[in-house]
Amino acid sequence: MASAPANNWSRIASGIRGSFRRAIGGLLLPYYAPPYTKFLTVPAHHCAAGGRGTHRAGLGRSRGGFTTKLHIRGNVHGLPIALHVTAGQEADCSNYEALMEARDSDPGIMLADKGYDSDPIRQDLRDRGAMPEIPTKRNRHVQHSVSRPLYALRNRIERFINRLKNSRRVATRYDQTADSFLGFAALSSIRLWIRFVHAT
C-alpha cells in the first residue's frame, strides 16, 4: 500500500492540533485553573533527522544528545492547556509567551521551575494579576521565596508528563516535522483529558 503524501500527514497533524485547541478551549473550559509551566526533553530517534532544517523542525543538540523540548502549560489538575515544541537547547523562558497565548483566563498563581526565573516573566504575571511562585536562581542578587505547600503541587504536572511518556511516539520522537510530533503529543493529551472528564 502506498504511503500517504507528506502534505496529507501535515493536514492530519494540523487537524489534531486544532481539535485539541477547540476541546480544551470550549467543552473543557469549566475545569480550568492554570498554575503550571513545565518542559519535557524528548530524545529524538535517528530517523527524525531526515528532514530539512532541523532547528525549524524543533530538533537540536543538548546535554541529552539529539533532542526536542516540549513546553507545557497545565492547569490545577496537571492537565495541559498549551503545548509548544522547540529544539532541545532552547531556553525555557524564551517560550513563555507562546505558552501564555493559549485561550484561557489569566492564572491567579503560576508555578514554574527556575528556567522561568526572569524579571520580564515575573512582571508579566503580576500585570495579569497572578502571583509568580518561581524559585530564584542562585546567581540572582534578589532572591524570591516560594510557598512550599503551593510549590509542592507541581508534582501534578510531573505525573501528567509521566503518563504522557507512556505514549511511545511522545517519549521518543520519530517524526521529522515539529507539526507531526506536536500532533501526536496533542492526541495523547486529549486522551488524558477525556479520562479526567469522565472520571469527574
N, C-alpha and C. Protein backbone atom coordinates (compact mmCIF):
# COMPACT_ATOMS: atom_id res chain seq x y z
N MET A 1 0.84 -1.19 0.00
CA MET A 1 0.00 0.00 0.00
C MET A 1 0.88 1.24 0.00
N ALA A 2 0.60 2.17 -0.88
CA ALA A 2 1.41 3.38 -0.98
C ALA A 2 1.19 4.26 0.25
N SER A 3 2.26 4.87 0.68
CA SER A 3 2.16 5.76 1.85
C SER A 3 1.49 7.07 1.45
N ALA A 4 0.83 7.72 2.41
CA ALA A 4 0.16 8.99 2.15
C ALA A 4 1.18 10.07 1.88
N PRO A 5 0.91 11.00 0.98
CA PRO A 5 1.83 12.10 0.72
C PRO A 5 2.10 12.89 1.99
N ALA A 6 3.28 13.53 2.02
CA ALA A 6 3.69 14.27 3.23
C ALA A 6 2.71 15.38 3.57
N ASN A 7 2.15 16.05 2.52
CA ASN A 7 1.24 17.15 2.82
C ASN A 7 -0.05 16.65 3.45
N ASN A 8 -0.46 15.39 3.14
CA ASN A 8 -1.64 14.82 3.79
C ASN A 8 -1.40 14.62 5.28
N TRP A 9 -0.21 14.13 5.64
CA TRP A 9 0.12 13.95 7.06
C TRP A 9 0.18 15.30 7.77
N SER A 10 0.64 16.32 7.09
CA SER A 10 0.67 17.66 7.69
C SER A 10 -0.74 18.15 7.99
N ARG A 11 -1.68 17.88 7.06
CA ARG A 11 -3.07 18.28 7.30
C ARG A 11 -3.68 17.50 8.45
N ILE A 12 -3.33 16.20 8.55
CA ILE A 12 -3.84 15.39 9.66
C ILE A 12 -3.33 15.92 10.99
N ALA A 13 -2.01 16.19 11.05
CA ALA A 13 -1.43 16.71 12.29
C ALA A 13 -2.03 18.06 12.65
N SER A 14 -2.24 18.91 11.64
CA SER A 14 -2.85 20.21 11.88
C SER A 14 -4.28 20.07 12.40
N GLY A 15 -5.01 19.09 11.85
CA GLY A 15 -6.38 18.86 12.32
C GLY A 15 -6.42 18.39 13.76
N ILE A 16 -5.46 17.53 14.15
CA ILE A 16 -5.40 17.06 15.53
C ILE A 16 -5.12 18.21 16.48
N ARG A 17 -4.16 19.09 16.11
CA ARG A 17 -3.86 20.23 16.97
C ARG A 17 -5.06 21.17 17.09
N GLY A 18 -5.78 21.36 15.98
CA GLY A 18 -6.98 22.20 16.02
C GLY A 18 -8.04 21.62 16.93
N SER A 19 -8.22 20.29 16.88
CA SER A 19 -9.19 19.62 17.76
C SER A 19 -8.80 19.78 19.21
N PHE A 20 -7.49 19.70 19.49
CA PHE A 20 -7.01 19.87 20.86
C PHE A 20 -7.35 21.26 21.38
N ARG A 21 -7.10 22.29 20.55
CA ARG A 21 -7.38 23.67 20.99
C ARG A 21 -8.88 23.88 21.20
N ARG A 22 -9.70 23.33 20.29
CA ARG A 22 -11.16 23.53 20.44
C ARG A 22 -11.68 22.79 21.66
N ALA A 23 -11.15 21.60 21.91
CA ALA A 23 -11.63 20.80 23.05
C ALA A 23 -11.34 21.49 24.36
N ILE A 24 -10.09 21.88 24.57
CA ILE A 24 -9.74 22.49 25.85
C ILE A 24 -10.22 23.93 25.92
N GLY A 25 -10.51 24.54 24.78
CA GLY A 25 -10.97 25.93 24.79
C GLY A 25 -12.46 26.07 24.94
N GLY A 26 -13.21 24.99 24.70
CA GLY A 26 -14.66 25.08 24.76
C GLY A 26 -15.26 24.10 25.75
N LEU A 27 -15.31 22.83 25.38
CA LEU A 27 -16.00 21.82 26.18
C LEU A 27 -15.43 21.70 27.58
N LEU A 28 -14.11 21.81 27.72
CA LEU A 28 -13.47 21.56 29.00
C LEU A 28 -13.15 22.82 29.78
N LEU A 29 -13.60 23.96 29.29
CA LEU A 29 -13.27 25.25 29.91
C LEU A 29 -13.65 25.33 31.39
N PRO A 30 -14.78 24.74 31.85
CA PRO A 30 -15.12 24.87 33.26
C PRO A 30 -14.10 24.24 34.21
N TYR A 31 -13.21 23.37 33.73
CA TYR A 31 -12.27 22.70 34.61
C TYR A 31 -10.97 23.47 34.79
N TYR A 32 -10.84 24.63 34.19
CA TYR A 32 -9.57 25.34 34.17
C TYR A 32 -9.26 26.07 35.47
N ALA A 33 -8.02 26.03 35.83
CA ALA A 33 -7.43 26.87 36.87
C ALA A 33 -5.93 26.75 36.71
N PRO A 34 -5.34 27.37 35.69
CA PRO A 34 -3.98 27.01 35.30
C PRO A 34 -2.87 27.64 36.14
N PRO A 35 -2.07 26.80 36.84
CA PRO A 35 -0.96 27.40 37.53
C PRO A 35 0.41 26.86 37.16
N TYR A 36 0.58 26.03 36.13
CA TYR A 36 1.85 25.37 35.91
C TYR A 36 2.45 25.67 34.54
N THR A 37 3.77 25.79 34.49
CA THR A 37 4.51 25.70 33.24
C THR A 37 5.65 24.71 33.47
N LYS A 38 5.94 23.92 32.46
CA LYS A 38 6.93 22.86 32.60
C LYS A 38 7.40 22.47 31.21
N PHE A 39 8.53 21.80 31.13
CA PHE A 39 9.01 21.32 29.84
C PHE A 39 9.41 19.85 29.96
N LEU A 40 9.39 19.16 28.82
CA LEU A 40 9.81 17.77 28.74
C LEU A 40 10.83 17.67 27.62
N THR A 41 12.02 17.19 27.92
CA THR A 41 13.04 16.97 26.91
C THR A 41 12.91 15.56 26.36
N VAL A 42 12.71 15.45 25.06
CA VAL A 42 12.43 14.17 24.42
C VAL A 42 13.60 13.78 23.52
N PRO A 43 14.17 12.58 23.71
CA PRO A 43 15.23 12.14 22.80
C PRO A 43 14.67 11.87 21.41
N ALA A 44 15.41 12.26 20.39
CA ALA A 44 14.97 12.07 19.02
C ALA A 44 15.65 10.84 18.41
N HIS A 45 14.86 9.97 17.80
CA HIS A 45 15.38 8.82 17.08
C HIS A 45 16.14 9.32 15.84
N HIS A 46 17.11 8.53 15.37
CA HIS A 46 17.91 8.98 14.23
C HIS A 46 17.08 9.18 12.97
N CYS A 47 15.93 8.47 12.86
CA CYS A 47 15.08 8.64 11.68
C CYS A 47 14.39 10.00 11.65
N ALA A 48 14.35 10.70 12.79
CA ALA A 48 13.72 12.02 12.83
C ALA A 48 14.60 13.09 12.20
N ALA A 49 15.85 12.75 11.93
CA ALA A 49 16.79 13.75 11.42
C ALA A 49 16.84 13.81 9.91
N GLY A 50 15.93 13.13 9.24
CA GLY A 50 15.98 13.07 7.78
C GLY A 50 15.44 14.29 7.08
N GLY A 51 14.69 15.14 7.78
CA GLY A 51 14.08 16.31 7.15
C GLY A 51 15.05 17.47 7.05
N ARG A 52 14.63 18.50 6.34
CA ARG A 52 15.46 19.69 6.18
C ARG A 52 15.17 20.70 7.30
N GLY A 53 16.23 21.43 7.67
CA GLY A 53 16.04 22.49 8.66
C GLY A 53 15.73 21.93 10.03
N THR A 54 16.69 21.27 10.67
CA THR A 54 16.43 20.60 11.94
C THR A 54 15.97 21.57 13.01
N HIS A 55 16.51 22.80 13.03
CA HIS A 55 16.10 23.76 14.07
C HIS A 55 14.65 24.17 13.88
N ARG A 56 14.23 24.40 12.63
CA ARG A 56 12.83 24.75 12.37
C ARG A 56 11.90 23.58 12.68
N ALA A 57 12.44 22.36 12.59
CA ALA A 57 11.63 21.18 12.89
C ALA A 57 11.62 20.86 14.38
N GLY A 58 12.20 21.74 15.20
CA GLY A 58 12.20 21.51 16.64
C GLY A 58 13.20 20.46 17.08
N LEU A 59 14.32 20.35 16.39
CA LEU A 59 15.37 19.39 16.74
C LEU A 59 16.66 20.14 17.02
N GLY A 60 17.40 19.69 18.01
CA GLY A 60 18.65 20.36 18.34
C GLY A 60 19.51 19.51 19.24
N ARG A 61 20.65 20.05 19.62
CA ARG A 61 21.60 19.35 20.48
C ARG A 61 21.55 19.92 21.89
N SER A 62 21.48 19.03 22.87
CA SER A 62 21.51 19.44 24.26
C SER A 62 22.35 18.42 25.02
N ARG A 63 22.35 18.49 26.32
CA ARG A 63 23.15 17.54 27.12
C ARG A 63 22.73 16.10 26.86
N GLY A 64 21.47 15.91 26.52
CA GLY A 64 20.97 14.56 26.27
C GLY A 64 21.21 14.08 24.86
N GLY A 65 21.92 14.87 24.04
CA GLY A 65 22.18 14.48 22.66
C GLY A 65 21.22 15.17 21.71
N PHE A 66 20.72 14.43 20.73
CA PHE A 66 19.81 14.96 19.72
C PHE A 66 18.40 14.94 20.31
N THR A 67 17.84 16.12 20.62
CA THR A 67 16.60 16.17 21.39
C THR A 67 15.63 17.23 20.88
N THR A 68 14.39 17.06 21.35
CA THR A 68 13.30 18.02 21.17
C THR A 68 12.81 18.40 22.56
N LYS A 69 12.38 19.63 22.72
CA LYS A 69 11.83 20.06 24.00
C LYS A 69 10.35 20.39 23.82
N LEU A 70 9.51 19.77 24.65
CA LEU A 70 8.06 20.01 24.64
C LEU A 70 7.72 20.88 25.84
N HIS A 71 7.34 22.13 25.59
CA HIS A 71 6.96 23.06 26.65
C HIS A 71 5.47 22.91 26.94
N ILE A 72 5.12 22.89 28.22
CA ILE A 72 3.74 22.58 28.61
C ILE A 72 3.24 23.61 29.61
N ARG A 73 2.05 24.10 29.38
CA ARG A 73 1.33 24.90 30.37
C ARG A 73 0.13 24.07 30.81
N GLY A 74 0.01 23.85 32.11
CA GLY A 74 -1.05 22.99 32.63
C GLY A 74 -1.96 23.70 33.58
N ASN A 75 -3.04 23.02 33.95
CA ASN A 75 -3.99 23.60 34.91
C ASN A 75 -3.79 23.01 36.29
N VAL A 76 -4.68 23.31 37.19
CA VAL A 76 -4.52 22.89 38.59
C VAL A 76 -4.56 21.38 38.74
N HIS A 77 -5.16 20.68 37.77
CA HIS A 77 -5.21 19.22 37.81
C HIS A 77 -4.00 18.58 37.14
N GLY A 78 -3.08 19.40 36.64
CA GLY A 78 -1.91 18.86 35.96
C GLY A 78 -2.17 18.48 34.53
N LEU A 79 -3.29 18.93 33.95
CA LEU A 79 -3.64 18.62 32.57
C LEU A 79 -3.24 19.78 31.66
N PRO A 80 -2.87 19.50 30.41
CA PRO A 80 -2.29 20.53 29.55
C PRO A 80 -3.31 21.52 28.99
N ILE A 81 -2.91 22.77 28.93
CA ILE A 81 -3.68 23.82 28.28
C ILE A 81 -2.98 24.25 26.99
N ALA A 82 -1.65 24.25 27.01
CA ALA A 82 -0.88 24.66 25.83
C ALA A 82 0.35 23.78 25.69
N LEU A 83 0.69 23.43 24.45
CA LEU A 83 1.88 22.67 24.11
C LEU A 83 2.68 23.44 23.06
N HIS A 84 3.99 23.43 23.21
CA HIS A 84 4.84 24.15 22.26
C HIS A 84 6.14 23.38 22.08
N VAL A 85 6.56 23.18 20.84
CA VAL A 85 7.75 22.38 20.53
C VAL A 85 8.90 23.27 20.09
N THR A 86 10.09 23.03 20.64
CA THR A 86 11.30 23.74 20.22
C THR A 86 12.45 22.74 20.16
N ALA A 87 13.59 23.23 19.68
CA ALA A 87 14.81 22.42 19.72
C ALA A 87 15.24 22.19 21.16
N GLY A 88 15.97 21.10 21.39
CA GLY A 88 16.31 20.71 22.76
C GLY A 88 17.13 21.71 23.53
N GLN A 89 17.91 22.56 22.84
CA GLN A 89 18.77 23.51 23.55
C GLN A 89 18.08 24.85 23.83
N GLU A 90 16.84 25.01 23.40
CA GLU A 90 16.14 26.29 23.60
C GLU A 90 15.91 26.56 25.09
N ALA A 91 16.09 27.80 25.48
CA ALA A 91 15.85 28.20 26.87
C ALA A 91 14.35 28.17 27.18
N ASP A 92 14.00 27.79 28.39
CA ASP A 92 12.59 27.69 28.77
C ASP A 92 11.91 29.05 28.74
N CYS A 93 12.59 30.06 29.30
CA CYS A 93 11.97 31.38 29.45
C CYS A 93 11.67 32.03 28.10
N SER A 94 12.40 31.66 27.05
CA SER A 94 12.17 32.28 25.74
C SER A 94 10.87 31.81 25.09
N ASN A 95 10.23 30.79 25.65
CA ASN A 95 8.99 30.27 25.08
C ASN A 95 7.79 30.52 25.99
N TYR A 96 7.99 31.37 26.98
CA TYR A 96 6.91 31.71 27.91
C TYR A 96 5.72 32.33 27.18
N GLU A 97 5.99 33.29 26.28
CA GLU A 97 4.91 33.99 25.59
C GLU A 97 4.07 33.05 24.74
N ALA A 98 4.72 32.07 24.10
CA ALA A 98 3.98 31.11 23.28
C ALA A 98 3.01 30.30 24.12
N LEU A 99 3.40 29.96 25.34
CA LEU A 99 2.51 29.20 26.23
C LEU A 99 1.35 30.06 26.73
N MET A 100 1.63 31.34 26.98
CA MET A 100 0.60 32.22 27.53
C MET A 100 -0.39 32.69 26.48
N GLU A 101 -0.12 32.44 25.20
CA GLU A 101 -1.06 32.81 24.15
C GLU A 101 -2.26 31.88 24.08
N ALA A 102 -2.21 30.76 24.77
CA ALA A 102 -3.31 29.80 24.74
C ALA A 102 -4.59 30.43 25.27
N ARG A 103 -5.70 30.04 24.68
CA ARG A 103 -7.00 30.58 25.09
C ARG A 103 -7.34 30.11 26.50
N ASP A 104 -7.37 31.05 27.39
CA ASP A 104 -7.73 30.74 28.77
C ASP A 104 -7.71 32.03 29.57
N SER A 105 -8.31 31.98 30.75
CA SER A 105 -8.24 33.14 31.64
C SER A 105 -6.84 33.22 32.24
N ASP A 106 -6.46 34.42 32.68
CA ASP A 106 -5.15 34.58 33.30
C ASP A 106 -5.12 33.85 34.64
N PRO A 107 -3.99 33.22 34.97
CA PRO A 107 -3.91 32.46 36.22
C PRO A 107 -3.86 33.36 37.44
N GLY A 108 -4.32 32.83 38.58
CA GLY A 108 -4.19 33.55 39.83
C GLY A 108 -2.82 33.32 40.45
N ILE A 109 -2.28 32.13 40.19
CA ILE A 109 -0.96 31.74 40.66
C ILE A 109 -0.28 31.00 39.52
N MET A 110 1.00 31.21 39.32
CA MET A 110 1.74 30.46 38.32
C MET A 110 2.94 29.80 38.98
N LEU A 111 2.97 28.47 38.92
CA LEU A 111 4.11 27.71 39.43
C LEU A 111 5.00 27.33 38.26
N ALA A 112 6.29 27.53 38.41
CA ALA A 112 7.24 27.17 37.36
C ALA A 112 8.60 26.92 38.00
N ASP A 113 9.47 26.24 37.26
CA ASP A 113 10.79 25.97 37.80
C ASP A 113 11.74 27.12 37.50
N LYS A 114 12.99 26.96 37.87
CA LYS A 114 13.97 28.05 37.77
C LYS A 114 14.23 28.50 36.34
N GLY A 115 13.91 27.65 35.37
CA GLY A 115 14.11 28.03 33.98
C GLY A 115 13.27 29.22 33.57
N TYR A 116 12.21 29.51 34.32
CA TYR A 116 11.33 30.64 34.02
C TYR A 116 11.57 31.83 34.96
N ASP A 117 12.68 31.79 35.68
CA ASP A 117 13.01 32.88 36.59
C ASP A 117 13.64 34.04 35.82
N SER A 118 12.82 35.02 35.50
CA SER A 118 13.32 36.24 34.85
C SER A 118 12.42 37.39 35.25
N ASP A 119 12.97 38.59 35.29
CA ASP A 119 12.20 39.76 35.69
C ASP A 119 11.02 40.04 34.73
N PRO A 120 11.21 39.94 33.39
CA PRO A 120 10.07 40.19 32.50
C PRO A 120 8.92 39.21 32.71
N ILE A 121 9.22 37.93 32.99
CA ILE A 121 8.16 36.95 33.23
C ILE A 121 7.44 37.27 34.53
N ARG A 122 8.18 37.57 35.57
CA ARG A 122 7.55 37.91 36.85
C ARG A 122 6.66 39.14 36.71
N GLN A 123 7.14 40.15 35.99
CA GLN A 123 6.36 41.37 35.82
C GLN A 123 5.11 41.11 34.98
N ASP A 124 5.24 40.29 33.93
CA ASP A 124 4.08 39.98 33.10
C ASP A 124 3.01 39.26 33.91
N LEU A 125 3.42 38.34 34.77
CA LEU A 125 2.45 37.64 35.61
C LEU A 125 1.77 38.59 36.58
N ARG A 126 2.52 39.51 37.14
CA ARG A 126 1.91 40.50 38.05
C ARG A 126 0.92 41.39 37.29
N ASP A 127 1.28 41.76 36.06
CA ASP A 127 0.38 42.58 35.25
C ASP A 127 -0.92 41.84 34.94
N ARG A 128 -0.85 40.51 34.88
CA ARG A 128 -2.04 39.69 34.63
C ARG A 128 -2.83 39.43 35.92
N GLY A 129 -2.32 39.94 37.03
CA GLY A 129 -2.97 39.72 38.32
C GLY A 129 -2.62 38.40 38.96
N ALA A 130 -1.51 37.80 38.53
CA ALA A 130 -1.09 36.50 39.05
C ALA A 130 0.07 36.64 40.02
N MET A 131 0.19 35.68 40.91
CA MET A 131 1.30 35.64 41.84
C MET A 131 2.32 34.61 41.34
N PRO A 132 3.53 35.04 40.96
CA PRO A 132 4.53 34.07 40.48
C PRO A 132 5.16 33.29 41.63
N GLU A 133 5.03 31.98 41.59
CA GLU A 133 5.69 31.09 42.54
C GLU A 133 6.81 30.38 41.79
N ILE A 134 7.93 31.09 41.62
CA ILE A 134 9.05 30.60 40.82
C ILE A 134 10.31 30.70 41.66
N PRO A 135 11.02 29.61 41.89
CA PRO A 135 12.28 29.70 42.65
C PRO A 135 13.29 30.58 41.94
N THR A 136 14.14 31.22 42.71
CA THR A 136 15.15 32.12 42.15
C THR A 136 16.45 31.37 41.91
N LYS A 137 17.11 31.71 40.80
CA LYS A 137 18.42 31.13 40.52
C LYS A 137 19.44 31.62 41.55
N ARG A 138 20.44 30.82 41.80
CA ARG A 138 21.42 31.15 42.83
C ARG A 138 22.24 32.40 42.51
N ASN A 139 22.41 32.67 41.21
CA ASN A 139 23.26 33.82 40.84
C ASN A 139 22.50 35.14 40.82
N ARG A 140 21.25 35.13 41.26
CA ARG A 140 20.46 36.37 41.28
C ARG A 140 20.77 37.14 42.56
N HIS A 141 20.88 38.46 42.45
CA HIS A 141 21.15 39.29 43.62
C HIS A 141 19.92 39.36 44.53
N VAL A 142 18.73 39.43 43.91
CA VAL A 142 17.49 39.48 44.70
C VAL A 142 16.86 38.09 44.68
N GLN A 143 16.73 37.49 45.85
CA GLN A 143 16.17 36.16 45.98
C GLN A 143 14.70 36.24 46.35
N HIS A 144 13.86 35.48 45.62
CA HIS A 144 12.42 35.43 45.88
C HIS A 144 12.08 34.08 46.52
N SER A 145 11.33 34.13 47.59
CA SER A 145 10.91 32.89 48.25
C SER A 145 9.64 32.35 47.61
N VAL A 146 9.40 31.06 47.78
CA VAL A 146 8.18 30.43 47.28
C VAL A 146 7.49 29.73 48.44
N SER A 147 6.19 29.57 48.31
CA SER A 147 5.41 28.84 49.31
C SER A 147 5.62 27.35 49.09
N ARG A 148 6.18 26.66 50.05
CA ARG A 148 6.46 25.23 49.88
C ARG A 148 5.19 24.40 49.66
N PRO A 149 4.12 24.65 50.42
CA PRO A 149 2.89 23.87 50.16
C PRO A 149 2.35 24.08 48.75
N LEU A 150 2.40 25.32 48.25
CA LEU A 150 1.94 25.59 46.90
C LEU A 150 2.87 24.97 45.87
N TYR A 151 4.16 25.15 46.07
CA TYR A 151 5.12 24.67 45.08
C TYR A 151 5.13 23.15 45.00
N ALA A 152 4.75 22.50 46.10
CA ALA A 152 4.69 21.03 46.09
C ALA A 152 3.63 20.50 45.14
N LEU A 153 2.66 21.35 44.78
CA LEU A 153 1.60 20.92 43.86
C LEU A 153 2.13 20.71 42.44
N ARG A 154 3.37 21.12 42.16
CA ARG A 154 3.93 20.89 40.83
C ARG A 154 4.03 19.40 40.51
N ASN A 155 3.94 18.55 41.52
CA ASN A 155 4.01 17.11 41.25
C ASN A 155 2.85 16.65 40.37
N ARG A 156 1.79 17.46 40.29
CA ARG A 156 0.66 17.07 39.43
C ARG A 156 1.03 17.10 37.96
N ILE A 157 1.73 18.13 37.55
CA ILE A 157 2.14 18.16 36.14
C ILE A 157 3.28 17.18 35.88
N GLU A 158 4.06 16.87 36.91
CA GLU A 158 5.08 15.83 36.76
C GLU A 158 4.41 14.48 36.51
N ARG A 159 3.29 14.23 37.19
CA ARG A 159 2.56 12.98 36.98
C ARG A 159 1.94 12.95 35.59
N PHE A 160 1.46 14.12 35.11
CA PHE A 160 0.93 14.17 33.74
C PHE A 160 2.02 13.82 32.73
N ILE A 161 3.22 14.38 32.92
CA ILE A 161 4.33 14.10 32.00
C ILE A 161 4.66 12.62 32.01
N ASN A 162 4.61 12.01 33.18
CA ASN A 162 4.87 10.58 33.27
C ASN A 162 3.85 9.77 32.47
N ARG A 163 2.57 10.17 32.56
CA ARG A 163 1.53 9.49 31.78
C ARG A 163 1.69 9.77 30.29
N LEU A 164 2.09 11.00 29.95
CA LEU A 164 2.28 11.36 28.55
C LEU A 164 3.39 10.52 27.92
N LYS A 165 4.42 10.21 28.69
CA LYS A 165 5.54 9.43 28.18
C LYS A 165 5.20 7.96 27.99
N ASN A 166 4.01 7.55 28.43
CA ASN A 166 3.56 6.19 28.13
C ASN A 166 3.27 6.02 26.65
N SER A 167 3.06 7.14 25.95
CA SER A 167 2.86 7.10 24.50
C SER A 167 4.25 7.07 23.84
N ARG A 168 4.51 6.00 23.11
CA ARG A 168 5.84 5.81 22.55
C ARG A 168 6.23 6.93 21.59
N ARG A 169 5.25 7.44 20.84
CA ARG A 169 5.55 8.50 19.87
C ARG A 169 5.86 9.83 20.53
N VAL A 170 5.60 9.95 21.83
CA VAL A 170 5.93 11.16 22.57
C VAL A 170 7.20 10.97 23.38
N ALA A 171 7.37 9.79 23.99
CA ALA A 171 8.55 9.51 24.80
C ALA A 171 9.83 9.56 23.97
N THR A 172 9.74 9.12 22.73
CA THR A 172 10.85 9.22 21.77
C THR A 172 10.31 9.79 20.48
N ARG A 173 10.96 10.79 19.96
CA ARG A 173 10.47 11.42 18.73
C ARG A 173 10.97 10.67 17.50
N TYR A 174 10.02 10.23 16.67
CA TYR A 174 10.33 9.57 15.40
C TYR A 174 9.96 10.45 14.20
N ASP A 175 9.23 11.53 14.44
CA ASP A 175 8.69 12.36 13.37
C ASP A 175 9.72 13.39 12.90
N GLN A 176 9.79 13.59 11.59
CA GLN A 176 10.74 14.54 11.03
C GLN A 176 10.28 15.98 11.21
N THR A 177 8.98 16.23 11.27
CA THR A 177 8.49 17.60 11.39
C THR A 177 7.95 17.87 12.79
N ALA A 178 8.09 19.13 13.20
CA ALA A 178 7.58 19.53 14.52
C ALA A 178 6.05 19.42 14.57
N ASP A 179 5.38 19.74 13.45
CA ASP A 179 3.92 19.67 13.42
C ASP A 179 3.42 18.26 13.69
N SER A 180 4.07 17.28 13.09
CA SER A 180 3.65 15.90 13.28
C SER A 180 3.86 15.45 14.72
N PHE A 181 5.02 15.77 15.30
CA PHE A 181 5.29 15.39 16.69
C PHE A 181 4.32 16.08 17.64
N LEU A 182 4.06 17.38 17.40
CA LEU A 182 3.13 18.12 18.24
C LEU A 182 1.71 17.56 18.12
N GLY A 183 1.36 17.08 16.93
CA GLY A 183 0.05 16.48 16.74
C GLY A 183 -0.13 15.23 17.59
N PHE A 184 0.90 14.38 17.64
CA PHE A 184 0.81 13.17 18.47
C PHE A 184 0.79 13.52 19.96
N ALA A 185 1.54 14.55 20.37
CA ALA A 185 1.52 14.99 21.77
C ALA A 185 0.13 15.51 22.13
N ALA A 186 -0.50 16.26 21.21
CA ALA A 186 -1.85 16.77 21.45
C ALA A 186 -2.86 15.63 21.52
N LEU A 187 -2.70 14.63 20.66
CA LEU A 187 -3.61 13.49 20.67
C LEU A 187 -3.53 12.73 21.99
N SER A 188 -2.32 12.53 22.50
CA SER A 188 -2.14 11.87 23.79
C SER A 188 -2.73 12.71 24.92
N SER A 189 -2.61 14.03 24.81
CA SER A 189 -3.17 14.92 25.83
C SER A 189 -4.69 14.88 25.82
N ILE A 190 -5.28 14.83 24.64
CA ILE A 190 -6.75 14.75 24.53
C ILE A 190 -7.26 13.49 25.22
N ARG A 191 -6.55 12.38 25.03
CA ARG A 191 -6.95 11.12 25.65
C ARG A 191 -6.96 11.24 27.18
N LEU A 192 -5.93 11.90 27.74
CA LEU A 192 -5.87 12.08 29.18
C LEU A 192 -6.96 13.03 29.66
N TRP A 193 -7.26 14.08 28.88
CA TRP A 193 -8.37 14.99 29.22
C TRP A 193 -9.69 14.23 29.25
N ILE A 194 -9.93 13.38 28.27
CA ILE A 194 -11.19 12.62 28.20
C ILE A 194 -11.34 11.74 29.43
N ARG A 195 -10.25 11.06 29.81
CA ARG A 195 -10.30 10.22 31.01
C ARG A 195 -10.65 11.04 32.24
N PHE A 196 -10.07 12.22 32.35
CA PHE A 196 -10.34 13.08 33.50
C PHE A 196 -11.79 13.52 33.55
N VAL A 197 -12.33 13.94 32.38
CA VAL A 197 -13.70 14.42 32.33
C VAL A 197 -14.68 13.33 32.69
N HIS A 198 -14.45 12.11 32.22
CA HIS A 198 -15.36 11.01 32.50
C HIS A 198 -15.23 10.51 33.95
N ALA A 199 -14.11 10.84 34.60
CA ALA A 199 -13.91 10.40 35.96
C ALA A 199 -14.43 11.40 36.99
N THR A 200 -14.81 12.62 36.51
CA THR A 200 -15.28 13.65 37.44
C THR A 200 -16.77 13.88 37.30
